[in-house]
């Protein structure tokens, strides 16, 4: 049998097994399986939340690092995935959900100014994401600005509010680092999840789901925070003087950022921008 045919047969057999499991659970009155999808802005806490959920939901299958949510939709088991740009794949996920899994989509939100001034451990020499574009880390020629930026992602996040077939939750990065227990309690209440252990102790896990090692090793280890205890000092780093040119440049070229700050509740007006120059 040619390798391609063998691969196709294994895939079909796997899908048949999961369909059978679904029918057995339905006959026995067992609850639907749940697929949790973490997505949102890059550099907004998706990796941190992923590690917290993976550490406290031991019955949920998950991959190391990050993989697309679409890979789990045909598996009848509780699953967890994280990929920021999966925010653009949720409608496709709903269409492919033929097993009828419960889809819980958790979108992370962070002060856009902190997102704009964040650096990635594997792209330490440049800001990782702007209004127009974001780095693709694993490109064939190395890191390149080839992914959508804050503007397109924000528009897609708003669209998710009208997407049927999902339970949509939002988590603010600032809440996650200030009081992870409160966020955990809200997810338990609103998503019906049953946790083992606490978010605050996620870093004590024997093996974290998201980590920089092997071929994904960080070029700047000092930027790796996903494996360390959280504290509220992580928020508001955009105020550092070194980031002033970045803030001025992005808000001058893309004044839509002012509206985004207001929409997400980070500012009520443009008075904060006075030290950087005039507003719009």
Protein backbone atom coordinates (compact mmCIF):
# COMPACT_ATOMS: atom_id res chain seq x y z
CA UNK A 1 0.00 0.00 0.00
CA UNK A 2 1.45 3.41 -0.94
CA UNK A 3 2.38 5.60 2.07
CA UNK A 4 -0.26 8.17 1.16
CA UNK A 5 -3.00 5.52 1.14
CA UNK A 6 -1.82 4.09 4.46
CA UNK A 7 -1.86 7.54 6.01
CA UNK A 8 -5.37 8.18 4.71
CA UNK A 9 -6.56 4.83 6.08
CA UNK A 10 -5.12 5.53 9.54
CA UNK A 11 -6.77 8.93 9.53
CA UNK A 12 -10.17 7.50 8.60
CA UNK A 13 -9.87 4.76 11.22
CA UNK A 14 -9.02 7.34 13.85
CA UNK A 15 -12.05 9.41 12.92
CA UNK A 16 -14.26 6.31 13.02
CA UNK A 17 -13.04 5.52 16.54
CA UNK A 18 -13.88 9.02 17.74
CA UNK A 19 -17.33 8.86 16.13
CA UNK A 20 -17.94 5.56 17.92
CA UNK A 21 -16.88 7.05 21.25
CA UNK A 22 -19.25 9.94 20.68
CA UNK A 23 -22.18 7.55 20.06
CA UNK A 24 -21.35 5.49 23.17
CA UNK A 25 -21.18 8.60 25.37
CA UNK A 26 -24.46 9.86 23.93
CA UNK A 27 -26.17 6.54 24.59
CA UNK A 28 -24.92 6.54 28.18
CA UNK A 29 -26.01 10.13 28.76
CA UNK A 30 -22.48 11.41 29.31
CA UNK A 31 -21.75 15.12 28.77
CA UNK A 32 -20.38 16.39 25.49
CA UNK A 33 -16.64 16.68 25.09
CA UNK A 34 -15.21 20.18 25.32
CA UNK A 35 -12.68 21.85 23.08
CA UNK A 36 -11.03 24.92 24.57
CA UNK A 37 -9.40 27.32 22.12
CA UNK A 38 -7.15 30.14 23.34
CA UNK A 39 -6.60 32.90 20.81
CA UNK A 40 -6.40 36.67 20.53
CA UNK A 41 -3.64 39.23 20.24
CA UNK A 42 -0.08 37.92 20.15
CA UNK A 43 1.83 39.06 23.26
CA UNK A 44 -1.40 39.29 25.26
CA UNK A 45 -0.99 36.32 27.61
CA UNK A 46 -2.15 33.43 25.43
CA UNK A 47 0.93 31.34 26.36
CA UNK A 48 0.59 32.16 30.05
CA UNK A 49 -3.09 31.22 30.09
CA UNK A 50 -2.32 28.06 28.12
CA UNK A 51 0.19 26.94 30.74
CA UNK A 52 -2.27 27.70 33.53
CA UNK A 53 -5.09 25.74 31.92
CA UNK A 54 -2.87 22.81 30.95
CA UNK A 55 -1.57 22.57 34.51
CA UNK A 56 -5.04 22.59 36.08
CA UNK A 57 -7.04 20.56 33.53
CA UNK A 58 -5.12 17.25 33.55
CA UNK A 59 -7.88 15.38 31.70
CA UNK A 60 -7.64 17.72 28.69
CA UNK A 61 -5.35 16.60 25.88
CA UNK A 62 -2.96 19.27 24.60
CA UNK A 63 0.18 19.60 22.51
CA UNK A 64 3.50 21.08 23.47
CA UNK A 65 4.03 24.64 22.30
CA UNK A 66 1.18 25.69 19.99
CA UNK A 67 -0.87 24.07 17.25
CA UNK A 68 -4.01 24.98 15.35
CA UNK A 69 -7.37 24.28 16.95
CA UNK A 70 -8.50 22.60 13.73
CA UNK A 71 -6.36 19.57 14.49
CA UNK A 72 -8.56 18.57 17.44
CA UNK A 73 -12.06 19.16 16.13
CA UNK A 74 -12.55 15.60 14.85
CA UNK A 75 -11.38 13.99 18.12
CA UNK A 76 -14.00 13.00 20.67
CA UNK A 77 -12.09 13.94 23.81
CA UNK A 78 -11.58 17.04 25.93
CA UNK A 79 -8.87 19.14 24.31
CA UNK A 80 -7.00 22.39 24.81
CA UNK A 81 -5.10 24.42 22.22
CA UNK A 82 -3.43 27.78 21.97
CA UNK A 83 -2.56 29.83 18.92
CA UNK A 84 -3.22 33.59 18.84
CA UNK A 85 -4.15 33.73 15.16
CA UNK A 86 -6.70 30.94 15.53
CA UNK A 87 -8.99 33.90 16.05
CA UNK A 88 -9.29 33.80 12.26
CA UNK A 89 -10.19 30.08 12.20
CA UNK A 90 -13.15 29.93 14.55
CA UNK A 91 -15.82 29.99 11.85
CA UNK A 92 -14.02 27.13 10.10
CA UNK A 93 -13.82 25.30 13.41
CA UNK A 94 -17.59 25.58 13.86
CA UNK A 95 -18.20 24.24 10.35
CA UNK A 96 -15.93 21.26 10.99
CA UNK A 97 -17.46 20.42 14.38
CA UNK A 98 -19.46 17.47 13.08
CA UNK A 99 -19.09 15.58 16.34
CA UNK A 100 -20.97 18.31 18.16
CA UNK A 101 -18.28 19.13 20.70
CA UNK A 102 -18.75 22.07 23.01
CA UNK A 103 -16.48 24.84 21.72
CA UNK A 104 -15.16 27.22 24.37
CA UNK A 105 -13.22 30.09 22.80
CA UNK A 106 -11.16 32.19 25.19
CA UNK A 107 -9.89 35.45 23.71
CA UNK A 108 -7.11 37.30 25.52
CA UNK A 109 -7.12 41.10 25.60
CA UNK A 110 -4.28 43.36 26.69
CA UNK A 111 -3.63 47.09 26.72
CA UNK A 112 -2.74 47.74 23.05
CA UNK A 113 0.18 49.92 24.16
CA UNK A 114 1.74 46.96 25.97
CA UNK A 115 1.07 44.77 22.95
CA UNK A 116 2.77 47.31 20.68
CA UNK A 117 5.88 47.50 22.87
CA UNK A 118 6.29 43.81 23.63
CA UNK A 119 9.23 41.80 22.33
CA UNK A 120 9.26 38.08 21.57
CA UNK A 121 11.99 35.77 22.94
CA UNK A 122 12.69 34.55 19.41
CA UNK A 123 12.59 38.02 17.80
CA UNK A 124 14.29 40.07 20.52
CA UNK A 125 15.64 42.87 18.33
CA UNK A 126 12.33 44.32 17.17
CA UNK A 127 8.83 44.98 18.43
CA UNK A 128 6.80 41.88 17.66
CA UNK A 129 3.49 43.33 16.50
CA UNK A 130 2.16 46.62 15.23
CA UNK A 131 -1.17 47.88 13.93
CA UNK A 132 -0.53 46.57 10.42
CA UNK A 133 1.57 43.42 10.81
CA UNK A 134 3.00 40.84 13.19
CA UNK A 135 6.06 38.65 12.94
CA UNK A 136 5.81 35.10 11.72
CA UNK A 137 8.53 33.35 13.71
CA UNK A 138 8.76 30.08 11.80
CA UNK A 139 8.97 31.46 8.26
CA UNK A 140 11.19 29.67 5.71
CA UNK A 141 13.56 32.65 5.67
CA UNK A 142 13.40 33.20 9.42
CA UNK A 143 11.22 35.75 11.24
CA UNK A 144 9.27 38.03 8.90
CA UNK A 145 6.43 40.53 9.21
CA UNK A 146 3.93 38.32 7.43
CA UNK A 147 1.00 37.92 9.84
CA UNK A 148 -1.96 40.25 10.50
CA UNK A 149 -1.47 43.05 12.99
CA UNK A 150 -3.52 44.55 15.79
CA UNK A 151 -6.04 46.21 13.47
CA UNK A 152 -7.14 43.06 11.66
CA UNK A 153 -7.09 40.98 14.84
CA UNK A 154 -9.24 43.50 16.74
CA UNK A 155 -11.78 43.48 13.92
CA UNK A 156 -11.92 39.68 13.97
CA UNK A 157 -12.31 39.59 17.76
CA UNK A 158 -15.36 41.83 17.44
CA UNK A 159 -16.79 39.54 14.76
CA UNK A 160 -16.57 36.55 17.08
CA UNK A 161 -19.32 38.08 19.19
CA UNK A 162 -21.75 37.20 16.38
CA UNK A 163 -20.43 33.70 15.74
CA UNK A 164 -22.95 30.95 16.59
CA UNK A 165 -21.86 27.59 17.93
CA UNK A 166 -19.27 28.82 20.45
CA UNK A 167 -19.11 29.86 24.08
CA UNK A 168 -17.05 33.06 23.91
CA UNK A 169 -15.11 34.34 26.92
CA UNK A 170 -12.63 37.18 27.23
CA UNK A 171 -9.70 37.34 29.63
CA UNK A 172 -7.77 40.53 30.23
CA UNK A 173 -4.05 40.07 30.65
CA UNK A 174 -4.01 42.63 33.45
CA UNK A 175 -6.54 40.57 35.44
CA UNK A 176 -4.59 37.38 34.82
CA UNK A 177 -1.33 38.70 36.26
CA UNK A 178 -2.94 40.68 39.08
CA UNK A 179 -5.31 38.01 40.38
CA UNK A 180 -5.08 34.65 38.58
CA UNK A 181 -7.37 33.09 41.19
CA UNK A 182 -10.18 35.47 40.28
CA UNK A 183 -9.81 34.64 36.58
CA UNK A 184 -9.79 30.93 37.40
CA UNK A 185 -12.98 31.27 39.44
CA UNK A 186 -14.69 33.14 36.61
CA UNK A 187 -13.74 30.49 34.06
CA UNK A 188 -14.98 27.80 36.41
CA UNK A 189 -18.29 29.59 36.77
CA UNK A 190 -18.83 30.81 33.20
CA UNK A 191 -17.31 27.89 31.28
CA UNK A 192 -18.28 25.12 33.68
CA UNK A 193 -14.69 23.91 33.99
CA UNK A 194 -13.46 21.84 36.94
CA UNK A 195 -9.89 22.60 37.85
CA UNK A 196 -7.31 20.63 39.81
CA UNK A 197 -4.92 23.01 41.52
CA UNK A 198 -4.60 26.76 41.10
CA UNK A 199 -3.55 29.05 38.30
CA UNK A 200 -1.12 30.80 40.63
CA UNK A 201 0.90 27.60 41.04
CA UNK A 202 1.06 26.73 37.33
CA UNK A 203 4.84 27.21 37.20
CA UNK A 204 5.31 24.30 39.62
CA UNK A 205 4.04 21.79 37.04
CA UNK A 206 6.47 19.02 36.14
CA UNK A 207 6.26 19.96 32.47
CA UNK A 208 4.78 23.12 31.04
CA UNK A 209 2.74 22.96 27.85
CA UNK A 210 4.34 26.08 26.37
CA UNK A 211 8.08 26.40 26.73
CA UNK A 212 11.06 27.52 24.70
CA UNK A 213 13.36 24.56 24.17
CA UNK A 214 14.94 22.50 21.42
CA UNK A 215 14.48 24.06 18.00
CA UNK A 216 12.20 26.66 19.61
CA UNK A 217 14.83 27.86 22.09
CA UNK A 218 14.63 31.55 22.99
CA UNK A 219 17.23 33.85 21.50
CA UNK A 220 16.80 36.10 24.52
CA UNK A 221 15.98 34.02 27.64
CA UNK A 222 15.37 37.15 29.71
CA UNK A 223 12.19 37.74 27.70
CA UNK A 224 10.70 34.36 28.63
CA UNK A 225 8.00 34.91 31.25
CA UNK A 226 5.58 32.06 30.53
CA UNK A 227 7.27 29.79 33.09
CA UNK A 228 7.56 32.26 35.98
CA UNK A 229 5.19 33.25 38.79
CA UNK A 230 2.92 36.10 37.79
CA UNK A 231 2.84 39.57 39.31
CA UNK A 232 1.02 42.75 38.41
CA UNK A 233 4.26 44.54 37.48
CA UNK A 234 4.10 42.82 34.11
CA UNK A 235 1.38 45.26 33.04
CA UNK A 236 2.01 48.86 32.04
CA UNK A 237 5.57 48.45 30.78
CA UNK A 238 4.70 50.62 27.77
CA UNK A 239 5.28 53.66 30.01
CA UNK A 240 9.06 53.12 30.01
CA UNK A 241 10.82 56.07 28.28
CA UNK A 242 12.53 53.72 25.84
CA UNK A 243 9.14 52.95 24.26
CA UNK A 244 8.08 56.57 23.68
CA UNK A 245 9.16 56.66 20.00
CA UNK A 246 7.24 53.45 19.36
CA UNK A 247 4.07 54.76 20.99
CA UNK A 248 4.31 58.07 19.14
CA UNK A 249 4.94 56.43 15.78
CA UNK A 250 2.15 53.86 15.95
CA UNK A 251 -0.49 56.23 17.28
CA UNK A 252 0.47 58.91 14.75
CA UNK A 253 0.28 56.58 11.77
CA UNK A 254 -2.72 54.62 13.07
CA UNK A 255 -5.03 56.87 15.13
CA UNK A 256 -7.56 54.04 15.21
CA UNK A 257 -5.56 52.88 18.23
CA UNK A 258 -7.14 55.66 20.31
CA UNK A 259 -10.59 54.20 19.68
CA UNK A 260 -9.35 50.71 20.49
CA UNK A 261 -8.04 51.87 23.87
CA UNK A 262 -11.45 53.34 24.68
CA UNK A 263 -13.33 50.30 23.41
CA UNK A 264 -11.36 47.98 25.67
CA UNK A 265 -11.70 50.35 28.63
CA UNK A 266 -8.06 51.30 29.05
CA UNK A 267 -8.60 55.05 28.54
CA UNK A 268 -11.61 57.36 28.50
CA UNK A 269 -9.98 60.12 26.49
CA UNK A 270 -6.69 61.05 24.84
CA UNK A 271 -5.24 63.03 27.73
CA UNK A 272 -2.68 60.30 28.46
CA UNK A 273 -1.06 61.03 25.06
CA UNK A 274 -0.10 64.63 25.90
CA UNK A 275 3.55 63.78 26.72
CA UNK A 276 3.92 62.15 23.30
CA UNK A 277 2.58 65.04 21.22
CA UNK A 278 -0.80 66.10 19.96
CA UNK A 279 -3.62 63.61 19.49
CA UNK A 280 -5.58 63.25 16.32
